[in-house]
Amino acid sequence: MADLSKIKLNGITYNFKDGWARSAIANINPFSIEIVNSLPVSNIDLHTFYLIPNNGTGQNIYDEYLYVNNNWEKLGSINAGSIDLTNYLKTTDIAAWAKEPTKPSYTAAEVGALPDTTVIPAAQVQSNWNATTGMGVILNKPTTVSSFTNDAGYLTLSTLPIYDGTVV
């Protein structure tokens, strides 16, 4: 049996120290392909693609089957002229620049983005009733009344800004 503690994939060696992982990898069943004239009725291998000749031409001369959940599953048999691709984009309709390995770059102004000099506050700005300048200033503040009392210290309606002097 092969040493499954280290597996090399695409030039990188992976070290599998976990026994469960090594066991799972060792028990992977590889798939195989078998060309037959008819689908088998016994001794069916669940890891085999069964190919049956279909009188096709070119690269489509077999129908492909796999046995799944106690039934045969037909995986494919496509004739080149049987697929309707009219609603799909053709490679000839794609702009040449989109096919290039490197794509063009655009400035912020060309795409309508904010310039690099735009300053966005890092945190919310707190409003300040008394501020006269800066980010926290409150614009269009209403006029306020500093006192609602007369010289004797009593509340009077006549000092309220909403009172027009009419007695009801």
N, C-alpha and C. Protein backbone atom coordinates (compact mmCIF):
# COMPACT_ATOMS: atom_id res chain seq x y z
N MET A 1 0.84 -1.18 0.00
CA MET A 1 0.00 0.00 0.00
C MET A 1 0.88 1.24 0.00
N ALA A 2 0.46 2.25 -0.71
CA ALA A 2 1.23 3.49 -0.81
C ALA A 2 1.26 4.22 0.52
N ASP A 3 2.32 5.02 0.73
CA ASP A 3 2.44 5.84 1.93
C ASP A 3 1.50 7.03 1.79
N LEU A 4 0.41 7.04 2.59
CA LEU A 4 -0.58 8.10 2.49
C LEU A 4 -0.38 9.18 3.55
N SER A 5 0.78 9.15 4.24
CA SER A 5 1.02 10.20 5.21
C SER A 5 1.47 11.47 4.49
N LYS A 6 1.97 11.32 3.28
CA LYS A 6 2.39 12.47 2.49
C LYS A 6 1.87 12.29 1.07
N ILE A 7 1.13 13.28 0.60
CA ILE A 7 0.57 13.22 -0.74
C ILE A 7 1.03 14.44 -1.50
N LYS A 8 1.51 14.23 -2.71
CA LYS A 8 1.99 15.33 -3.54
C LYS A 8 0.92 15.66 -4.56
N LEU A 9 0.50 16.94 -4.59
CA LEU A 9 -0.53 17.40 -5.50
C LEU A 9 -0.09 18.72 -6.09
N ASN A 10 0.00 18.78 -7.42
CA ASN A 10 0.43 19.98 -8.13
C ASN A 10 1.76 20.51 -7.59
N GLY A 11 2.68 19.61 -7.29
CA GLY A 11 4.00 20.00 -6.84
C GLY A 11 4.10 20.35 -5.37
N ILE A 12 2.99 20.27 -4.62
CA ILE A 12 2.99 20.58 -3.20
C ILE A 12 2.77 19.28 -2.44
N THR A 13 3.63 19.03 -1.44
CA THR A 13 3.49 17.83 -0.63
C THR A 13 2.67 18.15 0.60
N TYR A 14 1.59 17.41 0.80
CA TYR A 14 0.72 17.57 1.96
C TYR A 14 1.01 16.43 2.93
N ASN A 15 1.16 16.75 4.19
CA ASN A 15 1.47 15.76 5.21
C ASN A 15 0.19 15.47 6.00
N PHE A 16 -0.37 14.30 5.84
CA PHE A 16 -1.58 13.89 6.54
C PHE A 16 -1.20 13.09 7.77
N LYS A 17 -1.14 13.74 8.90
CA LYS A 17 -0.79 13.05 10.15
C LYS A 17 -2.00 12.37 10.76
N ASP A 18 -3.19 12.83 10.43
CA ASP A 18 -4.41 12.29 11.00
C ASP A 18 -4.71 10.93 10.37
N GLY A 19 -4.83 9.90 11.20
CA GLY A 19 -5.09 8.55 10.72
C GLY A 19 -6.42 8.43 9.99
N TRP A 20 -7.45 9.15 10.49
CA TRP A 20 -8.76 9.10 9.84
C TRP A 20 -8.67 9.66 8.42
N ALA A 21 -7.97 10.78 8.24
CA ALA A 21 -7.83 11.37 6.91
C ALA A 21 -7.09 10.43 5.97
N ARG A 22 -6.03 9.80 6.47
CA ARG A 22 -5.29 8.85 5.63
C ARG A 22 -6.17 7.67 5.25
N SER A 23 -6.97 7.19 6.19
CA SER A 23 -7.86 6.06 5.92
C SER A 23 -8.92 6.43 4.89
N ALA A 24 -9.49 7.63 5.02
CA ALA A 24 -10.52 8.08 4.08
C ALA A 24 -9.95 8.18 2.67
N ILE A 25 -8.74 8.70 2.56
CA ILE A 25 -8.10 8.83 1.24
C ILE A 25 -7.79 7.45 0.67
N ALA A 26 -7.35 6.54 1.51
CA ALA A 26 -6.99 5.20 1.04
C ALA A 26 -8.21 4.44 0.54
N ASN A 27 -9.40 4.76 1.07
CA ASN A 27 -10.61 4.02 0.70
C ASN A 27 -11.41 4.67 -0.42
N ILE A 28 -10.87 5.67 -1.05
CA ILE A 28 -11.56 6.28 -2.19
C ILE A 28 -11.57 5.28 -3.34
N ASN A 29 -12.74 5.03 -3.86
CA ASN A 29 -12.86 4.10 -4.98
C ASN A 29 -12.73 4.87 -6.29
N PRO A 30 -11.76 4.55 -7.06
CA PRO A 30 -11.62 5.24 -8.35
C PRO A 30 -12.71 4.78 -9.32
N PHE A 31 -13.12 5.66 -10.18
CA PHE A 31 -14.10 5.30 -11.21
C PHE A 31 -13.37 4.69 -12.40
N SER A 32 -14.09 3.83 -13.08
CA SER A 32 -13.54 3.23 -14.30
C SER A 32 -14.57 3.35 -15.41
N ILE A 33 -14.15 3.05 -16.61
CA ILE A 33 -15.01 3.13 -17.78
C ILE A 33 -15.00 1.77 -18.47
N GLU A 34 -16.19 1.32 -18.84
CA GLU A 34 -16.29 0.03 -19.52
C GLU A 34 -17.23 0.17 -20.72
N ILE A 35 -16.77 -0.27 -21.89
CA ILE A 35 -17.59 -0.26 -23.09
C ILE A 35 -18.32 -1.60 -23.18
N VAL A 36 -19.66 -1.53 -23.26
CA VAL A 36 -20.48 -2.74 -23.32
C VAL A 36 -21.51 -2.58 -24.44
N ASN A 37 -22.09 -3.70 -24.88
CA ASN A 37 -23.14 -3.65 -25.90
C ASN A 37 -24.51 -3.44 -25.28
N SER A 38 -24.67 -3.82 -24.01
CA SER A 38 -25.92 -3.58 -23.27
C SER A 38 -25.58 -3.43 -21.80
N LEU A 39 -26.47 -2.81 -21.05
CA LEU A 39 -26.22 -2.58 -19.64
C LEU A 39 -26.30 -3.89 -18.88
N PRO A 40 -25.38 -4.12 -17.96
CA PRO A 40 -25.38 -5.38 -17.21
C PRO A 40 -26.59 -5.47 -16.27
N VAL A 41 -27.03 -6.69 -15.97
CA VAL A 41 -28.14 -6.91 -15.05
C VAL A 41 -27.65 -7.51 -13.73
N SER A 42 -26.40 -7.92 -13.69
CA SER A 42 -25.81 -8.44 -12.46
C SER A 42 -24.35 -8.02 -12.41
N ASN A 43 -23.74 -8.16 -11.24
CA ASN A 43 -22.35 -7.76 -11.05
C ASN A 43 -22.10 -6.32 -11.52
N ILE A 44 -23.03 -5.45 -11.18
CA ILE A 44 -22.92 -4.04 -11.58
C ILE A 44 -21.96 -3.33 -10.63
N ASP A 45 -20.95 -2.71 -11.19
CA ASP A 45 -19.98 -1.96 -10.40
C ASP A 45 -20.47 -0.52 -10.26
N LEU A 46 -20.66 -0.08 -9.02
CA LEU A 46 -21.17 1.27 -8.76
C LEU A 46 -20.16 2.37 -9.07
N HIS A 47 -18.92 1.99 -9.39
CA HIS A 47 -17.88 2.96 -9.70
C HIS A 47 -17.41 2.84 -11.15
N THR A 48 -18.32 2.40 -12.00
CA THR A 48 -17.98 2.24 -13.42
C THR A 48 -18.97 3.00 -14.28
N PHE A 49 -18.45 3.75 -15.21
CA PHE A 49 -19.27 4.40 -16.25
C PHE A 49 -19.39 3.37 -17.37
N TYR A 50 -20.62 3.02 -17.72
CA TYR A 50 -20.86 2.05 -18.78
C TYR A 50 -21.19 2.81 -20.06
N LEU A 51 -20.46 2.51 -21.12
CA LEU A 51 -20.64 3.17 -22.41
C LEU A 51 -21.22 2.17 -23.41
N ILE A 52 -22.33 2.58 -24.04
CA ILE A 52 -22.98 1.72 -25.04
C ILE A 52 -22.89 2.43 -26.39
N PRO A 53 -22.38 1.75 -27.44
CA PRO A 53 -22.31 2.38 -28.76
C PRO A 53 -23.70 2.85 -29.21
N ASN A 54 -23.77 4.04 -29.82
CA ASN A 54 -25.08 4.60 -30.21
C ASN A 54 -25.18 4.93 -31.69
N ASN A 55 -24.28 4.45 -32.51
CA ASN A 55 -24.27 4.71 -33.96
C ASN A 55 -24.04 6.19 -34.27
N GLY A 56 -23.52 6.93 -33.30
CA GLY A 56 -23.22 8.34 -33.54
C GLY A 56 -21.95 8.50 -34.34
N THR A 57 -21.58 9.73 -34.58
CA THR A 57 -20.37 10.02 -35.34
C THR A 57 -19.51 11.01 -34.57
N GLY A 58 -18.28 11.13 -34.99
CA GLY A 58 -17.37 12.11 -34.38
C GLY A 58 -17.05 11.75 -32.94
N GLN A 59 -17.25 12.71 -32.06
CA GLN A 59 -16.92 12.49 -30.65
C GLN A 59 -18.13 12.02 -29.84
N ASN A 60 -19.21 11.65 -30.51
CA ASN A 60 -20.38 11.18 -29.78
C ASN A 60 -20.80 9.83 -30.33
N ILE A 61 -20.10 8.81 -29.91
CA ILE A 61 -20.43 7.47 -30.41
C ILE A 61 -20.92 6.54 -29.31
N TYR A 62 -21.05 7.05 -28.06
CA TYR A 62 -21.53 6.24 -26.94
C TYR A 62 -22.59 7.00 -26.14
N ASP A 63 -23.49 6.23 -25.52
CA ASP A 63 -24.39 6.75 -24.49
C ASP A 63 -23.76 6.35 -23.16
N GLU A 64 -23.73 7.28 -22.23
CA GLU A 64 -23.04 7.05 -20.97
C GLU A 64 -24.05 6.79 -19.86
N TYR A 65 -23.80 5.75 -19.05
CA TYR A 65 -24.70 5.37 -17.95
C TYR A 65 -23.89 5.13 -16.68
N LEU A 66 -24.59 5.39 -15.56
CA LEU A 66 -24.04 5.09 -14.24
C LEU A 66 -25.17 4.51 -13.41
N TYR A 67 -24.87 3.51 -12.59
CA TYR A 67 -25.91 2.88 -11.77
C TYR A 67 -26.00 3.63 -10.44
N VAL A 68 -27.18 4.27 -10.18
CA VAL A 68 -27.37 5.11 -9.00
C VAL A 68 -28.69 4.72 -8.32
N ASN A 69 -28.65 4.45 -7.02
CA ASN A 69 -29.86 4.11 -6.25
C ASN A 69 -30.69 3.01 -6.92
N ASN A 70 -30.02 1.96 -7.33
CA ASN A 70 -30.67 0.79 -7.94
C ASN A 70 -31.36 1.09 -9.27
N ASN A 71 -30.92 2.11 -9.95
CA ASN A 71 -31.47 2.45 -11.27
C ASN A 71 -30.35 2.93 -12.18
N TRP A 72 -30.55 2.73 -13.48
CA TRP A 72 -29.59 3.25 -14.44
C TRP A 72 -29.87 4.73 -14.70
N GLU A 73 -28.84 5.51 -14.66
CA GLU A 73 -28.94 6.95 -14.91
C GLU A 73 -28.17 7.25 -16.19
N LYS A 74 -28.90 7.74 -17.19
CA LYS A 74 -28.25 8.09 -18.46
C LYS A 74 -27.59 9.45 -18.28
N LEU A 75 -26.28 9.47 -18.43
CA LEU A 75 -25.54 10.71 -18.20
C LEU A 75 -25.45 11.57 -19.44
N GLY A 76 -25.51 10.95 -20.60
CA GLY A 76 -25.41 11.81 -21.77
C GLY A 76 -25.46 11.07 -23.07
N SER A 77 -25.93 11.79 -24.04
CA SER A 77 -25.92 11.38 -25.43
C SER A 77 -26.37 12.60 -26.20
N ILE A 78 -25.47 13.42 -26.56
CA ILE A 78 -25.82 14.69 -27.20
C ILE A 78 -25.22 14.71 -28.60
N ASN A 79 -26.08 14.93 -29.55
CA ASN A 79 -25.60 15.11 -30.91
C ASN A 79 -25.30 16.59 -31.12
N ALA A 80 -24.28 16.88 -31.84
CA ALA A 80 -23.82 18.25 -31.99
C ALA A 80 -24.91 19.20 -32.46
N GLY A 81 -25.82 18.76 -33.30
CA GLY A 81 -26.84 19.66 -33.82
C GLY A 81 -28.10 19.72 -33.00
N SER A 82 -28.16 19.02 -31.85
CA SER A 82 -29.42 18.94 -31.11
C SER A 82 -29.54 19.98 -29.99
N ILE A 83 -28.55 20.80 -29.78
CA ILE A 83 -28.60 21.79 -28.72
C ILE A 83 -28.91 23.16 -29.32
N ASP A 84 -29.92 23.83 -28.77
CA ASP A 84 -30.30 25.16 -29.24
C ASP A 84 -29.54 26.21 -28.44
N LEU A 85 -28.60 26.87 -29.07
CA LEU A 85 -27.78 27.88 -28.41
C LEU A 85 -28.11 29.30 -28.90
N THR A 86 -29.29 29.50 -29.46
CA THR A 86 -29.61 30.81 -30.02
C THR A 86 -29.67 31.91 -28.97
N ASN A 87 -30.00 31.58 -27.72
CA ASN A 87 -30.08 32.61 -26.68
C ASN A 87 -28.77 32.81 -25.93
N TYR A 88 -27.72 32.16 -26.36
CA TYR A 88 -26.44 32.28 -25.68
C TYR A 88 -25.53 33.25 -26.42
N LEU A 89 -24.62 33.85 -25.68
CA LEU A 89 -23.65 34.79 -26.25
C LEU A 89 -22.61 34.02 -27.06
N LYS A 90 -22.33 34.52 -28.24
CA LYS A 90 -21.31 33.90 -29.09
C LYS A 90 -19.97 34.56 -28.82
N THR A 91 -18.90 33.82 -28.97
CA THR A 91 -17.58 34.39 -28.75
C THR A 91 -17.30 35.52 -29.73
N THR A 92 -17.92 35.49 -30.90
CA THR A 92 -17.71 36.57 -31.87
C THR A 92 -18.40 37.85 -31.43
N ASP A 93 -19.36 37.76 -30.49
CA ASP A 93 -20.05 38.95 -29.99
C ASP A 93 -19.34 39.61 -28.82
N ILE A 94 -18.30 38.99 -28.32
CA ILE A 94 -17.57 39.54 -27.18
C ILE A 94 -16.51 40.50 -27.70
N ALA A 95 -16.45 41.68 -27.10
CA ALA A 95 -15.48 42.69 -27.52
C ALA A 95 -14.05 42.16 -27.38
N ALA A 96 -13.18 42.57 -28.26
CA ALA A 96 -11.80 42.10 -28.26
C ALA A 96 -11.09 42.41 -26.95
N TRP A 97 -11.35 43.60 -26.37
CA TRP A 97 -10.66 43.97 -25.13
C TRP A 97 -11.03 43.02 -23.99
N ALA A 98 -12.25 42.46 -24.02
CA ALA A 98 -12.69 41.56 -22.95
C ALA A 98 -11.98 40.21 -23.04
N LYS A 99 -11.44 39.88 -24.20
CA LYS A 99 -10.74 38.62 -24.38
C LYS A 99 -9.25 38.74 -24.07
N GLU A 100 -8.77 39.96 -23.91
CA GLU A 100 -7.35 40.18 -23.64
C GLU A 100 -7.01 39.71 -22.23
N PRO A 101 -5.79 39.22 -22.00
CA PRO A 101 -5.41 38.76 -20.66
C PRO A 101 -5.38 39.89 -19.63
N THR A 102 -5.05 41.09 -20.07
CA THR A 102 -5.07 42.24 -19.16
C THR A 102 -6.18 43.17 -19.60
N LYS A 103 -6.90 43.68 -18.63
CA LYS A 103 -8.05 44.55 -18.91
C LYS A 103 -7.66 46.01 -18.74
N PRO A 104 -8.37 46.93 -19.42
CA PRO A 104 -8.05 48.34 -19.28
C PRO A 104 -8.38 48.84 -17.87
N SER A 105 -7.71 49.92 -17.48
CA SER A 105 -8.03 50.53 -16.19
C SER A 105 -8.61 51.91 -16.44
N TYR A 106 -9.42 52.38 -15.53
CA TYR A 106 -10.11 53.65 -15.68
C TYR A 106 -9.86 54.52 -14.46
N THR A 107 -9.95 55.82 -14.66
CA THR A 107 -9.81 56.75 -13.55
C THR A 107 -11.14 56.86 -12.82
N ALA A 108 -11.10 57.42 -11.62
CA ALA A 108 -12.32 57.61 -10.83
C ALA A 108 -13.30 58.50 -11.59
N ALA A 109 -12.78 59.52 -12.25
CA ALA A 109 -13.66 60.44 -12.98
C ALA A 109 -14.36 59.73 -14.14
N GLU A 110 -13.66 58.79 -14.81
CA GLU A 110 -14.24 58.10 -15.95
C GLU A 110 -15.41 57.20 -15.56
N VAL A 111 -15.40 56.67 -14.35
CA VAL A 111 -16.47 55.80 -13.92
C VAL A 111 -17.43 56.49 -12.95
N GLY A 112 -17.21 57.79 -12.70
CA GLY A 112 -18.11 58.55 -11.84
C GLY A 112 -17.91 58.31 -10.36
N ALA A 113 -16.73 57.84 -9.97
CA ALA A 113 -16.45 57.59 -8.56
C ALA A 113 -16.00 58.88 -7.88
N LEU A 114 -16.06 58.90 -6.57
CA LEU A 114 -15.57 60.05 -5.81
C LEU A 114 -14.06 60.13 -5.97
N PRO A 115 -13.50 61.33 -5.99
CA PRO A 115 -12.04 61.45 -6.10
C PRO A 115 -11.34 60.91 -4.86
N ASP A 116 -10.06 60.60 -5.00
CA ASP A 116 -9.28 60.07 -3.88
C ASP A 116 -9.18 61.04 -2.72
N THR A 117 -9.41 62.31 -2.96
CA THR A 117 -9.27 63.31 -1.91
C THR A 117 -10.53 63.46 -1.06
N THR A 118 -11.58 62.71 -1.39
CA THR A 118 -12.83 62.78 -0.63
C THR A 118 -12.58 62.26 0.78
N VAL A 119 -12.98 63.07 1.78
CA VAL A 119 -12.80 62.66 3.17
C VAL A 119 -14.15 62.24 3.72
N ILE A 120 -14.18 61.03 4.19
CA ILE A 120 -15.40 60.51 4.82
C ILE A 120 -15.06 60.31 6.29
N PRO A 121 -15.85 60.90 7.20
CA PRO A 121 -15.53 60.77 8.62
C PRO A 121 -15.51 59.30 9.04
N ALA A 122 -14.55 58.97 9.90
CA ALA A 122 -14.43 57.60 10.38
C ALA A 122 -15.57 57.23 11.32
N ALA A 123 -16.11 58.22 12.04
CA ALA A 123 -17.19 57.94 12.98
C ALA A 123 -18.32 58.94 12.77
N GLN A 124 -19.45 58.69 13.39
CA GLN A 124 -20.57 59.62 13.30
C GLN A 124 -20.19 60.93 13.96
N VAL A 125 -20.64 62.05 13.38
CA VAL A 125 -20.38 63.37 13.95
C VAL A 125 -21.53 63.72 14.87
N GLN A 126 -21.22 64.16 16.08
CA GLN A 126 -22.24 64.57 17.04
C GLN A 126 -22.64 66.01 16.78
N SER A 127 -23.94 66.26 16.71
CA SER A 127 -24.44 67.63 16.54
C SER A 127 -24.18 68.41 17.82
N ASN A 128 -23.88 69.73 17.66
CA ASN A 128 -23.61 70.58 18.81
C ASN A 128 -24.46 71.83 18.69
N TRP A 129 -25.41 72.01 19.60
CA TRP A 129 -26.34 73.13 19.55
C TRP A 129 -25.61 74.47 19.57
N ASN A 130 -24.48 74.54 20.27
CA ASN A 130 -23.77 75.80 20.43
C ASN A 130 -22.70 76.03 19.37
N ALA A 131 -22.45 75.03 18.50
CA ALA A 131 -21.40 75.19 17.48
C ALA A 131 -21.82 76.19 16.44
N THR A 132 -20.85 76.98 15.98
CA THR A 132 -21.11 77.95 14.91
C THR A 132 -20.38 77.59 13.63
N THR A 133 -19.43 76.65 13.71
CA THR A 133 -18.69 76.19 12.53
C THR A 133 -18.41 74.69 12.70
N GLY A 134 -17.95 74.07 11.63
CA GLY A 134 -17.53 72.67 11.69
C GLY A 134 -18.64 71.70 11.34
N MET A 135 -18.29 70.38 11.44
CA MET A 135 -19.22 69.32 11.05
C MET A 135 -20.42 69.21 11.98
N GLY A 136 -20.30 69.62 13.24
CA GLY A 136 -21.38 69.44 14.19
C GLY A 136 -22.36 70.59 14.28
N VAL A 137 -22.17 71.63 13.48
CA VAL A 137 -23.05 72.79 13.56
C VAL A 137 -24.47 72.43 13.11
N ILE A 138 -25.47 72.98 13.81
CA ILE A 138 -26.87 72.76 13.44
C ILE A 138 -27.34 74.00 12.70
N LEU A 139 -27.77 73.82 11.49
CA LEU A 139 -28.22 74.93 10.66
C LEU A 139 -29.72 75.14 10.85
N ASN A 140 -30.17 76.37 10.61
CA ASN A 140 -31.59 76.73 10.65
C ASN A 140 -32.24 76.38 12.00
N LYS A 141 -31.56 76.72 13.09
CA LYS A 141 -32.12 76.48 14.42
C LYS A 141 -33.30 77.42 14.64
N PRO A 142 -34.36 76.99 15.35
CA PRO A 142 -35.50 77.87 15.65
C PRO A 142 -35.12 78.89 16.75
N THR A 143 -35.81 80.00 16.73
CA THR A 143 -35.58 81.01 17.77
C THR A 143 -36.17 80.50 19.07
N THR A 144 -35.47 80.68 20.15
CA THR A 144 -35.95 80.22 21.45
C THR A 144 -36.18 81.39 22.38
N VAL A 145 -37.01 81.18 23.37
CA VAL A 145 -37.30 82.20 24.38
C VAL A 145 -36.44 81.88 25.59
N SER A 146 -35.75 82.88 26.10
CA SER A 146 -34.87 82.61 27.23
C SER A 146 -35.61 82.55 28.55
N SER A 147 -36.84 83.19 28.65
CA SER A 147 -37.56 83.17 29.92
C SER A 147 -39.05 83.27 29.67
N PHE A 148 -39.81 82.51 30.45
CA PHE A 148 -41.26 82.55 30.35
C PHE A 148 -41.89 83.19 31.61
N THR A 149 -41.08 83.88 32.36
CA THR A 149 -41.60 84.46 33.61
C THR A 149 -41.55 85.98 33.55
N ASN A 150 -42.44 86.63 34.37
CA ASN A 150 -42.43 88.09 34.46
C ASN A 150 -41.47 88.50 35.58
N ASP A 151 -41.45 89.79 35.87
CA ASP A 151 -40.52 90.27 36.89
C ASP A 151 -40.78 89.66 38.25
N ALA A 152 -42.02 89.23 38.49
CA ALA A 152 -42.36 88.64 39.79
C ALA A 152 -42.01 87.15 39.83
N GLY A 153 -41.56 86.59 38.70
CA GLY A 153 -41.19 85.19 38.67
C GLY A 153 -42.30 84.24 38.27
N TYR A 154 -43.44 84.79 37.83
CA TYR A 154 -44.56 83.95 37.42
C TYR A 154 -44.54 83.71 35.92
N LEU A 155 -45.01 82.54 35.53
CA LEU A 155 -45.17 82.24 34.11
C LEU A 155 -46.26 83.14 33.54
N THR A 156 -46.00 83.69 32.39
CA THR A 156 -47.01 84.52 31.74
C THR A 156 -47.18 84.09 30.31
N LEU A 157 -48.42 83.99 29.86
CA LEU A 157 -48.67 83.61 28.48
C LEU A 157 -48.22 84.68 27.51
N SER A 158 -48.21 85.89 27.92
CA SER A 158 -47.86 86.97 27.00
C SER A 158 -46.41 86.91 26.57
N THR A 159 -45.58 86.24 27.32
CA THR A 159 -44.17 86.15 26.92
C THR A 159 -43.90 84.96 26.01
N LEU A 160 -44.89 84.09 25.87
CA LEU A 160 -44.70 82.94 24.98
C LEU A 160 -44.78 83.40 23.52
N PRO A 161 -43.93 82.89 22.65
CA PRO A 161 -43.95 83.32 21.25
C PRO A 161 -45.21 82.89 20.50
N ILE A 162 -46.00 81.96 21.04
CA ILE A 162 -47.18 81.49 20.32
C ILE A 162 -48.43 82.29 20.70
N TYR A 163 -48.36 83.16 21.69
CA TYR A 163 -49.55 83.89 22.18
C TYR A 163 -49.69 85.19 21.39
N ASP A 164 -50.87 85.42 20.82
CA ASP A 164 -51.08 86.64 20.02
C ASP A 164 -51.84 87.72 20.79
N GLY A 165 -52.12 87.51 22.09
CA GLY A 165 -52.78 88.52 22.90
C GLY A 165 -54.29 88.42 22.92
N THR A 166 -54.85 87.50 22.16
CA THR A 166 -56.30 87.37 22.12
C THR A 166 -56.77 86.58 23.32
N VAL A 167 -57.82 87.09 23.98
CA VAL A 167 -58.40 86.38 25.11
C VAL A 167 -59.61 85.62 24.60
N VAL A 168 -59.71 84.39 24.95
CA VAL A 168 -60.82 83.57 24.48
C VAL A 168 -61.86 83.45 25.55
